[in-house]
Amino acid sequence: MTFPPNSNFPRKLTIRKSPEFKEVFKRGKNFRTKYFKIYYKKNSLGFPRLGIVIGKNIFASAVKRNLLKRLLRETFRKNKNKFGSNDVVFLSIEGTELLNYKIIEQEIINKLSLN
């Protein structure tokens, strides 16, 4: 599926149910960056989907957790074509409190080789 460069982020592009997350964790592949552990698994939908896991032990403040989620969603939205037809889950690890959009995008896109 091809996306226009500034397209929106519809709900069908998100992983929302617990069994879907478990499937990616159990059967998918993973790699680690400095700030995230990224799990991915091919899907048969023809478009990528995003899941985000940020624990309270990483950010006690909901405001900071939601900010990181917004930054990850925006990175995914702007670079959807690079994710292929994969379900992708970002799992936050220690040290993510200092991140901004530019750092997140550089880290993820530079490590991205899911296809």
PDB file of N, CA and C in Angstrom:
ATOM      1  N   MET A   1       0.851  -1.170   0.000  1.00  0.00           N
ATOM      2  CA  MET A   1       0.000   0.000   0.000  1.00  0.00           C
ATOM      3  C   MET A   1       0.900   1.238   0.000  1.00  0.00           C
ATOM      4  N   THR A   2       0.588   2.188  -0.844  1.00  0.00           N
ATOM      5  CA  THR A   2       1.357   3.415  -0.928  1.00  0.00           C
ATOM      6  C   THR A   2       0.620   4.525  -0.201  1.00  0.00           C
ATOM      7  N   PHE A   3       1.361   5.317   0.554  1.00  0.00           N
ATOM      8  CA  PHE A   3       0.766   6.390   1.337  1.00  0.00           C
ATOM      9  C   PHE A   3       1.245   7.737   0.817  1.00  0.00           C
ATOM     10  N   PRO A   4       0.368   8.722   0.763  1.00  0.00           N
ATOM     11  CA  PRO A   4       0.839  10.072   0.454  1.00  0.00           C
ATOM     12  C   PRO A   4       1.764  10.559   1.565  1.00  0.00           C
ATOM     13  N   PRO A   5       2.718  11.438   1.258  1.00  0.00           N
ATOM     14  CA  PRO A   5       3.700  11.845   2.269  1.00  0.00           C
ATOM     15  C   PRO A   5       3.108  12.434   3.541  1.00  0.00           C
ATOM     16  N   ASN A   6       2.056  13.209   3.475  1.00  0.00           N
ATOM     17  CA  ASN A   6       1.483  13.837   4.668  1.00  0.00           C
ATOM     18  C   ASN A   6       0.120  13.249   5.000  1.00  0.00           C
ATOM     19  N   SER A   7       0.005  11.945   4.925  1.00  0.00           N
ATOM     20  CA  SER A   7      -1.282  11.322   5.203  1.00  0.00           C
ATOM     21  C   SER A   7      -1.553  11.260   6.699  1.00  0.00           C
ATOM     22  N   ASN A   8      -2.785  10.968   7.036  1.00  0.00           N
ATOM     23  CA  ASN A   8      -3.185  10.905   8.442  1.00  0.00           C
ATOM     24  C   ASN A   8      -2.785   9.570   9.061  1.00  0.00           C
ATOM     25  N   PHE A   9      -3.222   9.336  10.273  1.00  0.00           N
ATOM     26  CA  PHE A   9      -2.894   8.110  11.003  1.00  0.00           C
ATOM     27  C   PHE A   9      -4.189   7.440  11.446  1.00  0.00           C
ATOM     28  N   PRO A  10      -4.835   6.672  10.552  1.00  0.00           N
ATOM     29  CA  PRO A  10      -6.117   6.043  10.912  1.00  0.00           C
ATOM     30  C   PRO A  10      -5.947   4.914  11.924  1.00  0.00           C
ATOM     31  N   ARG A  11      -7.026   4.583  12.596  1.00  0.00           N
ATOM     32  CA  ARG A  11      -7.002   3.544  13.629  1.00  0.00           C
ATOM     33  C   ARG A  11      -6.597   2.182  13.083  1.00  0.00           C
ATOM     34  N   LYS A  12      -6.861   1.929  11.806  1.00  0.00           N
ATOM     35  CA  LYS A  12      -6.512   0.613  11.260  1.00  0.00           C
ATOM     36  C   LYS A  12      -4.999   0.401  11.222  1.00  0.00           C
ATOM     37  N   LEU A  13      -4.218   1.455  11.400  1.00  0.00           N
ATOM     38  CA  LEU A  13      -2.759   1.344  11.411  1.00  0.00           C
ATOM     39  C   LEU A  13      -2.194   1.128  12.806  1.00  0.00           C
ATOM     40  N   THR A  14      -3.063   0.866  13.786  1.00  0.00           N
ATOM     41  CA  THR A  14      -2.584   0.640  15.149  1.00  0.00           C
ATOM     42  C   THR A  14      -2.886  -0.781  15.608  1.00  0.00           C
ATOM     43  N   ILE A  15      -1.996  -1.297  16.427  1.00  0.00           N
ATOM     44  CA  ILE A  15      -2.219  -2.575  17.101  1.00  0.00           C
ATOM     45  C   ILE A  15      -2.844  -2.209  18.434  1.00  0.00           C
ATOM     46  N   ARG A  16      -4.064  -2.684  18.686  1.00  0.00           N
ATOM     47  CA  ARG A  16      -4.782  -2.260  19.887  1.00  0.00           C
ATOM     48  C   ARG A  16      -5.101  -3.393  20.852  1.00  0.00           C
ATOM     49  N   LYS A  17      -5.198  -4.607  20.362  1.00  0.00           N
ATOM     50  CA  LYS A  17      -5.647  -5.706  21.218  1.00  0.00           C
ATOM     51  C   LYS A  17      -4.471  -6.506  21.767  1.00  0.00           C
ATOM     52  N   SER A  18      -4.631  -6.972  22.986  1.00  0.00           N
ATOM     53  CA  SER A  18      -3.592  -7.721  23.672  1.00  0.00           C
ATOM     54  C   SER A  18      -3.125  -8.951  22.880  1.00  0.00           C
ATOM     55  N   PRO A  19      -4.031  -9.739  22.280  1.00  0.00           N
ATOM     56  CA  PRO A  19      -3.561 -10.895  21.501  1.00  0.00           C
ATOM     57  C   PRO A  19      -2.687 -10.499  20.306  1.00  0.00           C
ATOM     58  N   GLU A  20      -2.965  -9.331  19.730  1.00  0.00           N
ATOM     59  CA  GLU A  20      -2.140  -8.867  18.609  1.00  0.00           C
ATOM     60  C   GLU A  20      -0.731  -8.518  19.083  1.00  0.00           C
ATOM     61  N   PHE A  21      -0.619  -7.860  20.241  1.00  0.00           N
ATOM     62  CA  PHE A  21       0.691  -7.558  20.806  1.00  0.00           C
ATOM     63  C   PHE A  21       1.428  -8.854  21.140  1.00  0.00           C
ATOM     64  N   LYS A  22       0.731  -9.805  21.783  1.00  0.00           N
ATOM     65  CA  LYS A  22       1.355 -11.070  22.165  1.00  0.00           C
ATOM     66  C   LYS A  22       1.869 -11.832  20.954  1.00  0.00           C
ATOM     67  N   GLU A  23       1.136 -11.772  19.859  1.00  0.00           N
ATOM     68  CA  GLU A  23       1.548 -12.443  18.621  1.00  0.00           C
ATOM     69  C   GLU A  23       2.868 -11.859  18.102  1.00  0.00           C
ATOM     70  N   VAL A  24       2.983 -10.547  18.114  1.00  0.00           N
ATOM     71  CA  VAL A  24       4.218  -9.904  17.650  1.00  0.00           C
ATOM     72  C   VAL A  24       5.368 -10.244  18.593  1.00  0.00           C
ATOM     73  N   PHE A  25       5.138 -10.214  19.912  1.00  0.00           N
ATOM     74  CA  PHE A  25       6.190 -10.527  20.874  1.00  0.00           C
ATOM     75  C   PHE A  25       6.632 -11.990  20.756  1.00  0.00           C
ATOM     76  N   LYS A  26       5.669 -12.884  20.551  1.00  0.00           N
ATOM     77  CA  LYS A  26       5.966 -14.309  20.553  1.00  0.00           C
ATOM     78  C   LYS A  26       6.584 -14.780  19.233  1.00  0.00           C
ATOM     79  N   ARG A  27       6.004 -14.369  18.120  1.00  0.00           N
ATOM     80  CA  ARG A  27       6.422 -14.897  16.823  1.00  0.00           C
ATOM     81  C   ARG A  27       7.276 -13.943  15.990  1.00  0.00           C
ATOM     82  N   GLY A  28       7.401 -12.712  16.455  1.00  0.00           N
ATOM     83  CA  GLY A  28       8.141 -11.722  15.674  1.00  0.00           C
ATOM     84  C   GLY A  28       9.633 -11.725  15.968  1.00  0.00           C
ATOM     85  N   LYS A  29      10.340 -10.959  15.180  1.00  0.00           N
ATOM     86  CA  LYS A  29      11.768 -10.747  15.382  1.00  0.00           C
ATOM     87  C   LYS A  29      11.934  -9.439  16.142  1.00  0.00           C
ATOM     88  N   ASN A  30      13.125  -9.219  16.679  1.00  0.00           N
ATOM     89  CA  ASN A  30      13.336  -7.967  17.399  1.00  0.00           C
ATOM     90  C   ASN A  30      14.774  -7.507  17.274  1.00  0.00           C
ATOM     91  N   PHE A  31      14.973  -6.243  17.498  1.00  0.00           N
ATOM     92  CA  PHE A  31      16.296  -5.675  17.607  1.00  0.00           C
ATOM     93  C   PHE A  31      16.235  -4.525  18.588  1.00  0.00           C
ATOM     94  N   ARG A  32      17.395  -4.109  19.047  1.00  0.00           N
ATOM     95  CA  ARG A  32      17.451  -3.087  20.074  1.00  0.00           C
ATOM     96  C   ARG A  32      18.211  -1.872  19.551  1.00  0.00           C
ATOM     97  N   THR A  33      17.687  -0.707  19.869  1.00  0.00           N
ATOM     98  CA  THR A  33      18.397   0.528  19.610  1.00  0.00           C
ATOM     99  C   THR A  33      18.807   1.083  20.971  1.00  0.00           C
ATOM    100  N   LYS A  34      19.348   2.256  20.986  1.00  0.00           N
ATOM    101  CA  LYS A  34      19.780   2.837  22.258  1.00  0.00           C
ATOM    102  C   LYS A  34      18.606   3.076  23.203  1.00  0.00           C
ATOM    103  N   TYR A  35      17.437   3.453  22.652  1.00  0.00           N
ATOM    104  CA  TYR A  35      16.298   3.843  23.479  1.00  0.00           C
ATOM    105  C   TYR A  35      15.089   2.906  23.399  1.00  0.00           C
ATOM    106  N   PHE A  36      15.063   2.000  22.424  1.00  0.00           N
ATOM    107  CA  PHE A  36      13.884   1.153  22.219  1.00  0.00           C
ATOM    108  C   PHE A  36      14.285  -0.277  21.910  1.00  0.00           C
ATOM    109  N   LYS A  37      13.389  -1.187  22.256  1.00  0.00           N
ATOM    110  CA  LYS A  37      13.451  -2.541  21.744  1.00  0.00           C
ATOM    111  C   LYS A  37      12.301  -2.610  20.740  1.00  0.00           C
ATOM    112  N   ILE A  38      12.597  -2.978  19.520  1.00  0.00           N
ATOM    113  CA  ILE A  38      11.605  -2.946  18.452  1.00  0.00           C
ATOM    114  C   ILE A  38      11.319  -4.369  18.001  1.00  0.00           C
ATOM    115  N   TYR A  39      10.056  -4.763  18.129  1.00  0.00           N
ATOM    116  CA  TYR A  39       9.590  -6.065  17.678  1.00  0.00           C
ATOM    117  C   TYR A  39       8.844  -5.869  16.367  1.00  0.00           C
ATOM    118  N   TYR A  40       8.987  -6.800  15.444  1.00  0.00           N
ATOM    119  CA  TYR A  40       8.247  -6.700  14.191  1.00  0.00           C
ATOM    120  C   TYR A  40       7.924  -8.090  13.659  1.00  0.00           C
ATOM    121  N   LYS A  41       6.834  -8.158  12.938  1.00  0.00           N
ATOM    122  CA  LYS A  41       6.363  -9.409  12.365  1.00  0.00           C
ATOM    123  C   LYS A  41       5.605  -9.083  11.086  1.00  0.00           C
ATOM    124  N   LYS A  42       5.867  -9.835  10.039  1.00  0.00           N
ATOM    125  CA  LYS A  42       5.138  -9.646   8.781  1.00  0.00           C
ATOM    126  C   LYS A  42       3.651  -9.863   9.027  1.00  0.00           C
ATOM    127  N   ASN A  43       2.831  -9.060   8.340  1.00  0.00           N
ATOM    128  CA  ASN A  43       1.390  -9.292   8.397  1.00  0.00           C
ATOM    129  C   ASN A  43       0.863  -9.470   6.986  1.00  0.00           C
ATOM    130  N   SER A  44      -0.358  -9.922   6.866  1.00  0.00           N
ATOM    131  CA  SER A  44      -0.959 -10.173   5.552  1.00  0.00           C
ATOM    132  C   SER A  44      -1.929  -9.064   5.159  1.00  0.00           C
ATOM    133  N   LEU A  45      -1.874  -7.941   5.844  1.00  0.00           N
ATOM    134  CA  LEU A  45      -2.827  -6.857   5.607  1.00  0.00           C
ATOM    135  C   LEU A  45      -2.434  -5.958   4.439  1.00  0.00           C
ATOM    136  N   GLY A  46      -1.148  -5.925   4.105  1.00  0.00           N
ATOM    137  CA  GLY A  46      -0.699  -5.078   3.017  1.00  0.00           C
ATOM    138  C   GLY A  46      -0.310  -3.675   3.454  1.00  0.00           C
ATOM    139  N   PHE A  47      -0.332  -3.403   4.746  1.00  0.00           N
ATOM    140  CA  PHE A  47       0.075  -2.103   5.278  1.00  0.00           C
ATOM    141  C   PHE A  47       0.659  -2.317   6.673  1.00  0.00           C
ATOM    142  N   PRO A  48       1.514  -1.395   7.127  1.00  0.00           N
ATOM    143  CA  PRO A  48       2.129  -1.551   8.452  1.00  0.00           C
ATOM    144  C   PRO A  48       1.172  -1.130   9.563  1.00  0.00           C
ATOM    145  N   ARG A  49       1.387  -1.720  10.745  1.00  0.00           N
ATOM    146  CA  ARG A  49       0.630  -1.310  11.927  1.00  0.00           C
ATOM    147  C   ARG A  49       1.605  -1.049  13.061  1.00  0.00           C
ATOM    148  N   LEU A  50       1.222  -0.143  13.943  1.00  0.00           N
ATOM    149  CA  LEU A  50       2.093   0.298  15.025  1.00  0.00           C
ATOM    150  C   LEU A  50       1.505  -0.027  16.385  1.00  0.00           C
ATOM    151  N   GLY A  51       2.353  -0.509  17.278  1.00  0.00           N
ATOM    152  CA  GLY A  51       2.002  -0.685  18.678  1.00  0.00           C
ATOM    153  C   GLY A  51       3.072  -0.025  19.527  1.00  0.00           C
ATOM    154  N   ILE A  52       2.684   0.571  20.634  1.00  0.00           N
ATOM    155  CA  ILE A  52       3.631   1.264  21.508  1.00  0.00           C
ATOM    156  C   ILE A  52       3.424   0.785  22.940  1.00  0.00           C
ATOM    157  N   VAL A  53       4.533   0.434  23.604  1.00  0.00           N
ATOM    158  CA  VAL A  53       4.486   0.005  25.001  1.00  0.00           C
ATOM    159  C   VAL A  53       5.472   0.874  25.778  1.00  0.00           C
ATOM    160  N   ILE A  54       4.938   1.670  26.705  1.00  0.00           N
ATOM    161  CA  ILE A  54       5.777   2.512  27.559  1.00  0.00           C
ATOM    162  C   ILE A  54       5.312   2.296  28.994  1.00  0.00           C
ATOM    163  N   GLY A  55       6.140   1.663  29.793  1.00  0.00           N
ATOM    164  CA  GLY A  55       5.764   1.327  31.155  1.00  0.00           C
ATOM    165  C   GLY A  55       5.830   2.509  32.111  1.00  0.00           C
ATOM    166  N   LYS A  56       5.075   2.387  33.188  1.00  0.00           N
ATOM    167  CA  LYS A  56       5.096   3.428  34.216  1.00  0.00           C
ATOM    168  C   LYS A  56       6.442   3.481  34.926  1.00  0.00           C
ATOM    169  N   ASN A  57       7.200   2.383  34.875  1.00  0.00           N
ATOM    170  CA  ASN A  57       8.513   2.399  35.505  1.00  0.00           C
ATOM    171  C   ASN A  57       9.508   3.243  34.707  1.00  0.00           C
ATOM    172  N   ILE A  58       9.228   3.490  33.444  1.00  0.00           N
ATOM    173  CA  ILE A  58      10.075   4.354  32.611  1.00  0.00           C
ATOM    174  C   ILE A  58       9.697   5.813  32.841  1.00  0.00           C
ATOM    175  N   PHE A  59       8.392   6.096  32.735  1.00  0.00           N
ATOM    176  CA  PHE A  59       7.862   7.446  32.957  1.00  0.00           C
ATOM    177  C   PHE A  59       6.744   7.364  33.970  1.00  0.00           C
ATOM    178  N   ALA A  60       6.922   7.908  35.140  1.00  0.00           N
ATOM    179  CA  ALA A  60       5.846   7.922  36.125  1.00  0.00           C
ATOM    180  C   ALA A  60       4.749   8.891  35.710  1.00  0.00           C
ATOM    181  N   SER A  61       5.125   9.916  34.968  1.00  0.00           N
ATOM    182  CA  SER A  61       4.182  10.950  34.556  1.00  0.00           C
ATOM    183  C   SER A  61       3.468  10.551  33.260  1.00  0.00           C
ATOM    184  N   ALA A  62       2.152  10.548  33.302  1.00  0.00           N
ATOM    185  CA  ALA A  62       1.369  10.227  32.107  1.00  0.00           C
ATOM    186  C   ALA A  62       1.610  11.247  30.995  1.00  0.00           C
ATOM    187  N   VAL A  63       1.869  12.483  31.364  1.00  0.00           N
ATOM    188  CA  VAL A  63       2.131  13.527  30.370  1.00  0.00           C
ATOM    189  C   VAL A  63       3.369  13.169  29.547  1.00  0.00           C
ATOM    190  N   LYS A  64       4.425  12.706  30.204  1.00  0.00           N
ATOM    191  CA  LYS A  64       5.650  12.341  29.499  1.00  0.00           C
ATOM    192  C   LYS A  64       5.463  11.075  28.666  1.00  0.00           C
ATOM    193  N   ARG A  65       4.712  10.098  29.203  1.00  0.00           N
ATOM    194  CA  ARG A  65       4.431   8.881  28.424  1.00  0.00           C
ATOM    195  C   ARG A  65       3.671   9.225  27.156  1.00  0.00           C
ATOM    196  N   ASN A  66       2.670  10.088  27.276  1.00  0.00           N
ATOM    197  CA  ASN A  66       1.864  10.455  26.116  1.00  0.00           C
ATOM    198  C   ASN A  66       2.665  11.268  25.103  1.00  0.00           C
ATOM    199  N   LEU A  67       3.571  12.090  25.565  1.00  0.00           N
ATOM    200  CA  LEU A  67       4.426  12.845  24.655  1.00  0.00           C
ATOM    201  C   LEU A  67       5.290  11.890  23.828  1.00  0.00           C
ATOM    202  N   LEU A  68       5.891  10.901  24.487  1.00  0.00           N
ATOM    203  CA  LEU A  68       6.711   9.933  23.768  1.00  0.00           C
ATOM    204  C   LEU A  68       5.863   9.149  22.763  1.00  0.00           C
ATOM    205  N   LYS A  69       4.648   8.779  23.154  1.00  0.00           N
ATOM    206  CA  LYS A  69       3.756   8.079  22.220  1.00  0.00           C
ATOM    207  C   LYS A  69       3.450   8.942  21.004  1.00  0.00           C
ATOM    208  N   ARG A  70       3.180  10.221  21.218  1.00  0.00           N
ATOM    209  CA  ARG A  70       2.904  11.123  20.091  1.00  0.00           C
ATOM    210  C   ARG A  70       4.115  11.230  19.171  1.00  0.00           C
ATOM    211  N   LEU A  71       5.299  11.318  19.738  1.00  0.00           N
ATOM    212  CA  LEU A  71       6.513  11.398  18.927  1.00  0.00           C
ATOM    213  C   LEU A  71       6.727  10.122  18.109  1.00  0.00           C
ATOM    214  N   LEU A  72       6.495   8.962  18.727  1.00  0.00           N
ATOM    215  CA  LEU A  72       6.637   7.695  18.005  1.00  0.00           C
ATOM    216  C   LEU A  72       5.594   7.563  16.892  1.00  0.00           C
ATOM    217  N   ARG A  73       4.355   7.945  17.190  1.00  0.00           N
ATOM    218  CA  ARG A  73       3.311   7.881  16.161  1.00  0.00           C
ATOM    219  C   ARG A  73       3.649   8.788  14.983  1.00  0.00           C
ATOM    220  N   GLU A  74       4.161   9.971  15.275  1.00  0.00           N
ATOM    221  CA  GLU A  74       4.505  10.913  14.202  1.00  0.00           C
ATOM    222  C   GLU A  74       5.660  10.371  13.360  1.00  0.00           C
ATOM    223  N   THR A  75       6.648   9.781  13.990  1.00  0.00           N
ATOM    224  CA  THR A  75       7.749   9.167  13.249  1.00  0.00           C
ATOM    225  C   THR A  75       7.227   8.058  12.343  1.00  0.00           C
ATOM    226  N   PHE A  76       6.350   7.230  12.890  1.00  0.00           N
ATOM    227  CA  PHE A  76       5.755   6.139  12.106  1.00  0.00           C
ATOM    228  C   PHE A  76       4.921   6.701  10.963  1.00  0.00           C
ATOM    229  N   ARG A  77       4.106   7.704  11.244  1.00  0.00           N
ATOM    230  CA  ARG A  77       3.218   8.274  10.240  1.00  0.00           C
ATOM    231  C   ARG A  77       4.006   8.842   9.057  1.00  0.00           C
ATOM    232  N   LYS A  78       5.071   9.545   9.350  1.00  0.00           N
ATOM    233  CA  LYS A  78       5.852  10.177   8.281  1.00  0.00           C
ATOM    234  C   LYS A  78       6.717   9.194   7.506  1.00  0.00           C
ATOM    235  N   ASN A  79       6.938   8.008   8.059  1.00  0.00           N
ATOM    236  CA  ASN A  79       7.823   7.033   7.422  1.00  0.00           C
ATOM    237  C   ASN A  79       7.150   5.680   7.203  1.00  0.00           C
ATOM    238  N   LYS A  80       5.827   5.685   7.027  1.00  0.00           N
ATOM    239  CA  LYS A  80       5.072   4.434   6.887  1.00  0.00           C
ATOM    240  C   LYS A  80       5.606   3.527   5.786  1.00  0.00           C
ATOM    241  N   ASN A  81       5.978   4.122   4.669  1.00  0.00           N
ATOM    242  CA  ASN A  81       6.419   3.329   3.529  1.00  0.00           C
ATOM    243  C   ASN A  81       7.672   2.512   3.829  1.00  0.00           C
ATOM    244  N   LYS A  82       8.464   2.928   4.776  1.00  0.00           N
ATOM    245  CA  LYS A  82       9.703   2.229   5.116  1.00  0.00           C
ATOM    246  C   LYS A  82       9.466   1.018   6.007  1.00  0.00           C
ATOM    247  N   PHE A  83       8.263   0.874   6.552  1.00  0.00           N
ATOM    248  CA  PHE A  83       7.971  -0.236   7.455  1.00  0.00           C
ATOM    249  C   PHE A  83       7.428  -1.463   6.735  1.00  0.00           C
ATOM    250  N   GLY A  84       7.161  -1.358   5.428  1.00  0.00           N
ATOM    251  CA  GLY A  84       6.646  -2.500   4.689  1.00  0.00           C
ATOM    252  C   GLY A  84       5.306  -2.957   5.222  1.00  0.00           C
ATOM    253  N   SER A  85       5.047  -4.232   5.102  1.00  0.00           N
ATOM    254  CA  SER A  85       3.803  -4.820   5.599  1.00  0.00           C
ATOM    255  C   SER A  85       4.105  -5.572   6.895  1.00  0.00           C
ATOM    256  N   ASN A  86       4.437  -4.829   7.929  1.00  0.00           N
ATOM    257  CA  ASN A  86       4.834  -5.402   9.215  1.00  0.00           C
ATOM    258  C   ASN A  86       3.998  -4.830  10.346  1.00  0.00           C
ATOM    259  N   ASP A  87       3.784  -5.657  11.359  1.00  0.00           N
ATOM    260  CA  ASP A  87       3.289  -5.162  12.629  1.00  0.00           C
ATOM    261  C   ASP A  87       4.533  -4.805  13.433  1.00  0.00           C
ATOM    262  N   VAL A  88       4.621  -3.559  13.902  1.00  0.00           N
ATOM    263  CA  VAL A  88       5.806  -3.066  14.592  1.00  0.00           C
ATOM    264  C   VAL A  88       5.400  -2.598  15.990  1.00  0.00           C
ATOM    265  N   VAL A  89       6.130  -3.060  17.007  1.00  0.00           N
ATOM    266  CA  VAL A  89       5.870  -2.647  18.386  1.00  0.00           C
ATOM    267  C   VAL A  89       7.140  -2.026  18.947  1.00  0.00           C
ATOM    268  N   PHE A  90       7.013  -0.796  19.445  1.00  0.00           N
ATOM    269  CA  PHE A  90       8.115  -0.106  20.100  1.00  0.00           C
ATOM    270  C   PHE A  90       7.966  -0.284  21.605  1.00  0.00           C
ATOM    271  N   LEU A  91       8.979  -0.855  22.227  1.00  0.00           N
ATOM    272  CA  LEU A  91       9.004  -1.046  23.662  1.00  0.00           C
ATOM    273  C   LEU A  91      10.059  -0.104  24.228  1.00  0.00           C
ATOM    274  N   SER A  92       9.631   0.822  25.052  1.00  0.00           N
ATOM    275  CA  SER A  92      10.527   1.837  25.599  1.00  0.00           C
ATOM    276  C   SER A  92      11.416   1.234  26.672  1.00  0.00           C
ATOM    277  N   ILE A  93      12.697   1.632  26.655  1.00  0.00           N
ATOM    278  CA  ILE A  93      13.621   1.205  27.697  1.00  0.00           C
ATOM    279  C   ILE A  93      14.197   2.451  28.359  1.00  0.00           C
ATOM    280  N   GLU A  94      15.042   2.276  29.333  1.00  0.00           N
ATOM    281  CA  GLU A  94      15.586   3.399  30.105  1.00  0.00           C
ATOM    282  C   GLU A  94      16.249   4.449  29.223  1.00  0.00           C
ATOM    283  N   GLY A  95      16.192   5.696  29.655  1.00  0.00           N
ATOM    284  CA  GLY A  95      16.900   6.775  28.987  1.00  0.00           C
ATOM    285  C   GLY A  95      16.096   7.526  27.940  1.00  0.00           C
ATOM    286  N   THR A  96      14.815   7.232  27.811  1.00  0.00           N
ATOM    287  CA  THR A  96      14.019   7.875  26.760  1.00  0.00           C
ATOM    288  C   THR A  96      13.469   9.236  27.163  1.00  0.00           C
ATOM    289  N   GLU A  97      13.736   9.680  28.374  1.00  0.00           N
ATOM    290  CA  GLU A  97      13.157  10.956  28.820  1.00  0.00           C
ATOM    291  C   GLU A  97      13.763  12.171  28.123  1.00  0.00           C
ATOM    292  N   LEU A  98      14.911  12.020  27.493  1.00  0.00           N
ATOM    293  CA  LEU A  98      15.575  13.157  26.860  1.00  0.00           C
ATOM    294  C   LEU A  98      15.340  13.229  25.349  1.00  0.00           C
ATOM    295  N   LEU A  99      14.420  12.455  24.852  1.00  0.00           N
ATOM    296  CA  LEU A  99      14.243  12.352  23.404  1.00  0.00           C
ATOM    297  C   LEU A  99      13.401  13.474  22.825  1.00  0.00           C
ATOM    298  N   ASN A 100      13.695  13.808  21.577  1.00  0.00           N
ATOM    299  CA  ASN A 100      12.834  14.680  20.795  1.00  0.00           C
ATOM    300  C   ASN A 100      12.583  13.995  19.449  1.00  0.00           C
ATOM    301  N   TYR A 101      11.769  14.608  18.616  1.00  0.00           N
ATOM    302  CA  TYR A 101      11.375  13.973  17.362  1.00  0.00           C
ATOM    303  C   TYR A 101      12.577  13.647  16.485  1.00  0.00           C
ATOM    304  N   LYS A 102      13.497  14.564  16.359  1.00  0.00           N
ATOM    305  CA  LYS A 102      14.649  14.381  15.465  1.00  0.00           C
ATOM    306  C   LYS A 102      15.503  13.176  15.890  1.00  0.00           C
ATOM    307  N   ILE A 103      15.746  13.041  17.183  1.00  0.00           N
ATOM    308  CA  ILE A 103      16.543  11.914  17.688  1.00  0.00           C
ATOM    309  C   ILE A 103      15.819  10.597  17.443  1.00  0.00           C
ATOM    310  N   ILE A 104      14.525  10.568  17.725  1.00  0.00           N
ATOM    311  CA  ILE A 104      13.745   9.342  17.525  1.00  0.00           C
ATOM    312  C   ILE A 104      13.765   8.933  16.062  1.00  0.00           C
ATOM    313  N   GLU A 105      13.508   9.883  15.179  1.00  0.00           N
ATOM    314  CA  GLU A 105      13.469   9.558  13.753  1.00  0.00           C
ATOM    315  C   GLU A 105      14.823   9.049  13.265  1.00  0.00           C
ATOM    316  N   GLN A 106      15.900   9.703  13.653  1.00  0.00           N
ATOM    317  CA  GLN A 106      17.230   9.261  13.222  1.00  0.00           C
ATOM    318  C   GLN A 106      17.528   7.854  13.727  1.00  0.00           C
ATOM    319  N   GLU A 107      17.216   7.592  14.979  1.00  0.00           N
ATOM    320  CA  GLU A 107      17.520   6.282  15.543  1.00  0.00           C
ATOM    321  C   GLU A 107      16.728   5.170  14.867  1.00  0.00           C
ATOM    322  N   ILE A 108      15.455   5.400  14.680  1.00  0.00           N
ATOM    323  CA  ILE A 108      14.600   4.361  14.117  1.00  0.00           C
ATOM    324  C   ILE A 108      14.865   4.151  12.627  1.00  0.00           C
ATOM    325  N   ILE A 109      14.902   5.227  11.869  1.00  0.00           N
ATOM    326  CA  ILE A 109      15.078   5.098  10.419  1.00  0.00           C
ATOM    327  C   ILE A 109      16.468   4.565  10.076  1.00  0.00           C
ATOM    328  N   ASN A 110      17.485   4.965  10.825  1.00  0.00           N
ATOM    329  CA  ASN A 110      18.824   4.455  10.551  1.00  0.00           C
ATOM    330  C   ASN A 110      18.949   2.960  10.823  1.00  0.00           C
ATOM    331  N   LYS A 111      18.218   2.442  11.782  1.00  0.00           N
ATOM    332  CA  LYS A 111      18.266   1.027  12.120  1.00  0.00           C
ATOM    333  C   LYS A 111      17.264   0.185  11.343  1.00  0.00           C
ATOM    334  N   LEU A 112      16.397   0.844  10.609  1.00  0.00           N
ATOM    335  CA  LEU A 112      15.270   0.154   9.984  1.00  0.00           C
ATOM    336  C   LEU A 112      15.705  -0.644   8.769  1.00  0.00           C
ATOM    337  N   SER A 113      15.474  -1.934   8.839  1.00  0.00           N
ATOM    338  CA  SER A 113      15.711  -2.817   7.694  1.00  0.00           C
ATOM    339  C   SER A 113      14.751  -3.993   7.810  1.00  0.00           C
ATOM    340  N   LEU A 114      13.462  -3.677   7.935  1.00  0.00           N
ATOM    341  CA  LEU A 114      12.468  -4.713   8.194  1.00  0.00           C
ATOM    342  C   LEU A 114      12.074  -5.491   6.939  1.00  0.00           C
ATOM    343  N   ASN A 115      12.286  -4.914   5.756  1.00  0.00           N
ATOM    344  CA  ASN A 115      11.834  -5.577   4.525  1.00  0.00           C
ATOM    345  C   ASN A 115      12.792  -6.640   4.066  1.00  0.00           C
TER     346      ASN A 115
END
